[in-house]
Amino acid sequence: MHTKEELCEKIKAVFPEIGTCGIDLKVDYDKQNKAWVVDLKKDQHELKTFLEDSEAQQCMDGKQCVSLGLQIGQLRKNIEQL
């Protein structure tokens, strides 16, 4: 399993327009749900999504970030509409 810092940096590498790790983008592992929580903030708006271990691993391995991309894109769209 990768660290939250590694996953955050990978997300920023794929989506550089998102923001700064730890400020606009936070990544933490939720042991209860056994999934990564991707927390995206802009101003007073905040949205979260879960990323399963297998999806996070595929993205980190450079194989596939499609599901993450769709989720991040949807989060950004929702924030922009608020």
Protein backbone atom coordinates (compact mmCIF):
# COMPACT_ATOMS: atom_id res chain seq x y z
CA MET A 1 0.00 0.00 0.00
CA HIS A 2 1.21 3.49 -0.79
CA THR A 3 1.26 6.44 1.57
CA LYS A 4 -1.29 9.23 1.43
CA GLU A 5 1.48 11.61 0.36
CA GLU A 6 2.39 9.38 -2.59
CA LEU A 7 -1.24 9.10 -3.69
CA CYS A 8 -1.78 12.83 -3.29
CA GLU A 9 1.28 13.62 -5.42
CA LYS A 10 0.13 11.14 -8.08
CA ILE A 11 -3.30 12.81 -8.23
CA LYS A 12 -1.57 16.21 -8.57
CA ALA A 13 0.67 14.85 -11.33
CA VAL A 14 -2.35 13.62 -13.29
CA PHE A 15 -4.52 16.66 -12.44
CA PRO A 16 -2.13 19.60 -11.85
CA GLU A 17 -4.95 22.13 -11.83
CA ILE A 18 -6.40 20.74 -8.60
CA GLY A 19 -4.31 22.60 -6.03
CA THR A 20 -1.88 21.95 -3.23
CA CYS A 21 -1.65 18.68 -1.33
CA GLY A 22 -2.78 19.19 2.25
CA ILE A 23 -4.59 22.44 1.44
CA ASP A 24 -6.92 22.06 -1.56
CA LEU A 25 -6.50 18.30 -1.84
CA LYS A 26 -6.34 15.90 1.07
CA VAL A 27 -5.98 12.15 0.88
CA ASP A 28 -6.46 9.85 3.86
CA TYR A 29 -7.07 6.15 4.32
CA ASP A 30 -10.40 5.21 5.90
CA LYS A 31 -9.78 1.90 7.67
CA GLN A 32 -13.47 1.35 8.38
CA ASN A 33 -14.44 1.58 4.69
CA LYS A 34 -11.11 0.16 3.48
CA ALA A 35 -10.82 2.92 0.91
CA TRP A 36 -8.95 6.15 0.27
CA VAL A 37 -10.86 9.37 0.93
CA VAL A 38 -10.07 12.09 -1.59
CA ASP A 39 -11.16 15.46 -0.18
CA LEU A 40 -11.25 18.38 -2.60
CA LYS A 41 -11.80 21.94 -1.36
CA LYS A 42 -12.32 25.28 -3.03
CA ASP A 43 -13.10 28.33 -0.92
CA GLN A 44 -15.85 27.28 1.50
CA HIS A 45 -16.95 24.32 -0.66
CA GLU A 46 -15.80 20.79 0.06
CA LEU A 47 -16.53 17.46 -1.60
CA LYS A 48 -15.26 13.97 -0.82
CA THR A 49 -15.07 10.74 -2.75
CA PHE A 50 -13.85 7.24 -1.93
CA LEU A 51 -11.25 5.41 -3.97
CA GLU A 52 -10.99 1.66 -3.50
CA ASP A 53 -7.56 0.15 -2.78
CA SER A 54 -7.43 -1.62 -6.14
CA GLU A 55 -8.25 1.60 -8.03
CA ALA A 56 -5.63 3.55 -6.10
CA GLN A 57 -3.04 0.83 -6.76
CA GLN A 58 -3.77 0.77 -10.50
CA CYS A 59 -3.39 4.53 -10.66
CA MET A 60 -0.14 4.48 -8.69
CA ASP A 61 1.19 1.76 -11.00
CA GLY A 62 0.44 3.99 -13.99
CA LYS A 63 -1.99 1.43 -15.40
CA GLN A 64 -5.28 3.24 -15.04
CA CYS A 65 -6.48 6.44 -13.44
CA VAL A 66 -9.75 6.57 -15.36
CA SER A 67 -12.09 6.03 -12.42
CA LEU A 68 -10.14 8.52 -10.33
CA GLY A 69 -10.19 10.98 -13.22
CA LEU A 70 -13.94 10.68 -13.58
CA GLN A 71 -14.44 11.17 -9.86
CA ILE A 72 -12.07 14.14 -9.65
CA GLY A 73 -13.67 15.67 -12.75
CA GLN A 74 -17.12 15.32 -11.23
CA LEU A 75 -15.96 16.83 -7.95
CA ARG A 76 -14.49 19.80 -9.77
CA LYS A 77 -17.65 20.25 -11.84
CA ASN A 78 -19.82 20.17 -8.71
CA ILE A 79 -17.64 22.71 -6.93
CA GLU A 80 -17.65 25.05 -9.93
CA GLN A 81 -21.46 24.90 -10.05
CA LEU A 82 -21.84 25.82 -6.35
